[in-house]
């Protein structure tokens, strides 16, 4: 199967951001994950990446 040009490709920074996001969620909210509707998941990723 060929992937078309518009398929999403994560670069290393984004992939690391996803790993950090998972760690963050597991560390700070082990019981339940609560994200307000207005808080965009990508905004959260950017916040985590900017903290590094």
N, C-alpha and C. Protein backbone atom coordinates (compact mmCIF):
# COMPACT_ATOMS: atom_id res chain seq x y z
N UNK A 1 0.84 -1.21 0.00
CA UNK A 1 0.00 0.00 0.00
C UNK A 1 0.87 1.25 0.00
N UNK A 2 0.56 2.16 -0.90
CA UNK A 2 1.28 3.43 -0.92
C UNK A 2 0.60 4.43 0.00
N UNK A 3 1.42 5.21 0.66
CA UNK A 3 0.85 6.30 1.45
C UNK A 3 0.78 7.53 0.55
N UNK A 4 -0.35 8.25 0.60
CA UNK A 4 -0.40 9.44 -0.23
C UNK A 4 0.31 10.60 0.46
N UNK A 5 0.56 11.65 -0.32
CA UNK A 5 1.39 12.75 0.16
C UNK A 5 0.82 13.46 1.37
N UNK A 6 -0.49 13.38 1.55
CA UNK A 6 -1.12 14.12 2.63
C UNK A 6 -1.21 13.32 3.92
N UNK A 7 -0.64 12.12 3.92
CA UNK A 7 -0.65 11.35 5.17
C UNK A 7 0.21 12.06 6.20
N UNK A 8 -0.21 11.93 7.44
CA UNK A 8 0.46 12.69 8.51
C UNK A 8 1.75 12.00 8.91
N UNK A 9 2.83 12.78 8.92
CA UNK A 9 4.13 12.26 9.32
C UNK A 9 4.61 13.08 10.50
N UNK A 10 4.91 12.40 11.61
CA UNK A 10 5.42 13.10 12.78
C UNK A 10 6.93 13.21 12.69
N UNK A 11 7.43 14.41 12.89
CA UNK A 11 8.88 14.49 13.00
C UNK A 11 9.30 14.12 14.43
N UNK A 12 10.59 14.06 14.67
CA UNK A 12 11.07 13.60 15.97
C UNK A 12 10.61 14.47 17.12
N UNK A 13 10.54 15.76 16.89
CA UNK A 13 10.12 16.67 17.96
C UNK A 13 8.67 16.41 18.34
N UNK A 14 7.82 16.23 17.33
CA UNK A 14 6.41 15.97 17.61
C UNK A 14 6.24 14.61 18.30
N UNK A 15 7.01 13.62 17.84
CA UNK A 15 6.92 12.30 18.45
C UNK A 15 7.35 12.37 19.91
N UNK A 16 8.43 13.10 20.19
CA UNK A 16 8.87 13.27 21.57
C UNK A 16 7.82 14.01 22.37
N UNK A 17 7.15 14.96 21.74
CA UNK A 17 6.08 15.69 22.40
C UNK A 17 4.95 14.77 22.81
N UNK A 18 4.61 13.82 21.95
CA UNK A 18 3.56 12.85 22.28
C UNK A 18 3.97 11.97 23.45
N UNK A 19 5.25 11.57 23.45
CA UNK A 19 5.75 10.77 24.57
C UNK A 19 5.66 11.59 25.86
N UNK A 20 6.09 12.86 25.79
CA UNK A 20 6.03 13.73 26.96
C UNK A 20 4.59 13.92 27.42
N UNK A 21 3.67 14.07 26.45
CA UNK A 21 2.27 14.25 26.78
C UNK A 21 1.75 13.04 27.54
N UNK A 22 2.08 11.84 27.06
CA UNK A 22 1.64 10.62 27.75
C UNK A 22 2.22 10.56 29.16
N UNK A 23 3.51 10.88 29.29
CA UNK A 23 4.14 10.90 30.61
C UNK A 23 3.46 11.91 31.53
N UNK A 24 3.17 13.09 30.96
CA UNK A 24 2.53 14.17 31.72
C UNK A 24 1.17 13.71 32.23
N UNK A 25 0.37 13.11 31.34
CA UNK A 25 -0.97 12.66 31.73
C UNK A 25 -0.89 11.56 32.78
N UNK A 26 0.07 10.65 32.63
CA UNK A 26 0.21 9.56 33.60
C UNK A 26 0.72 10.08 34.95
N UNK A 27 1.58 11.09 34.89
CA UNK A 27 2.18 11.61 36.12
C UNK A 27 1.19 12.46 36.91
N UNK A 28 0.49 13.36 36.20
CA UNK A 28 -0.31 14.35 36.90
C UNK A 28 -1.78 13.99 37.06
N UNK A 29 -2.25 13.00 36.32
CA UNK A 29 -3.64 12.60 36.51
C UNK A 29 -3.79 11.10 36.32
N UNK A 30 -3.26 10.33 37.26
CA UNK A 30 -3.30 8.87 37.12
C UNK A 30 -4.72 8.30 37.21
N UNK A 31 -5.60 8.95 37.98
CA UNK A 31 -6.94 8.42 38.16
C UNK A 31 -7.84 8.68 36.96
N UNK A 32 -7.80 9.91 36.47
CA UNK A 32 -8.62 10.23 35.30
C UNK A 32 -7.97 11.38 34.55
N UNK A 33 -8.18 11.40 33.26
CA UNK A 33 -7.65 12.47 32.43
C UNK A 33 -8.78 13.44 32.15
N UNK A 34 -8.60 14.68 32.60
CA UNK A 34 -9.63 15.69 32.37
C UNK A 34 -9.05 16.85 31.57
N UNK A 35 -9.57 17.05 30.38
CA UNK A 35 -9.18 18.19 29.57
C UNK A 35 -10.43 18.99 29.24
N UNK A 36 -10.44 20.27 29.61
CA UNK A 36 -11.58 21.12 29.24
C UNK A 36 -11.74 21.14 27.72
N UNK A 37 -12.97 21.27 27.26
CA UNK A 37 -13.25 21.23 25.83
C UNK A 37 -12.47 22.30 25.06
N UNK A 38 -12.31 23.47 25.68
CA UNK A 38 -11.66 24.57 24.96
C UNK A 38 -10.13 24.43 24.94
N UNK A 39 -9.62 23.46 25.67
CA UNK A 39 -8.17 23.27 25.70
C UNK A 39 -7.76 22.28 24.63
N UNK A 40 -7.16 22.80 23.57
CA UNK A 40 -6.81 21.99 22.41
C UNK A 40 -5.62 21.08 22.71
N UNK A 41 -5.68 19.84 22.28
CA UNK A 41 -4.61 18.87 22.54
C UNK A 41 -3.28 19.35 21.96
N UNK A 42 -3.33 20.06 20.83
CA UNK A 42 -2.09 20.56 20.22
C UNK A 42 -1.51 21.71 21.03
N UNK A 43 -2.39 22.51 21.65
CA UNK A 43 -1.93 23.57 22.54
C UNK A 43 -1.18 22.95 23.71
N UNK A 44 -1.71 21.85 24.22
CA UNK A 44 -1.06 21.17 25.33
C UNK A 44 0.32 20.66 24.90
N UNK A 45 0.39 20.07 23.71
CA UNK A 45 1.68 19.60 23.19
C UNK A 45 2.68 20.75 23.08
N UNK A 46 2.21 21.88 22.55
CA UNK A 46 3.09 23.04 22.41
C UNK A 46 3.58 23.51 23.76
N UNK A 47 2.67 23.55 24.75
CA UNK A 47 3.05 23.98 26.10
C UNK A 47 4.14 23.08 26.66
N UNK A 48 3.97 21.78 26.49
CA UNK A 48 4.95 20.83 27.01
C UNK A 48 6.28 20.98 26.29
N UNK A 49 6.24 21.13 24.97
CA UNK A 49 7.48 21.29 24.21
C UNK A 49 8.19 22.59 24.58
N UNK A 50 7.43 23.64 24.84
CA UNK A 50 8.02 24.93 25.18
C UNK A 50 8.64 24.94 26.57
N UNK A 51 8.19 24.04 27.45
CA UNK A 51 8.74 23.96 28.80
C UNK A 51 10.11 23.31 28.83
N UNK A 52 10.44 22.55 27.79
CA UNK A 52 11.71 21.80 27.77
C UNK A 52 12.91 22.73 27.64
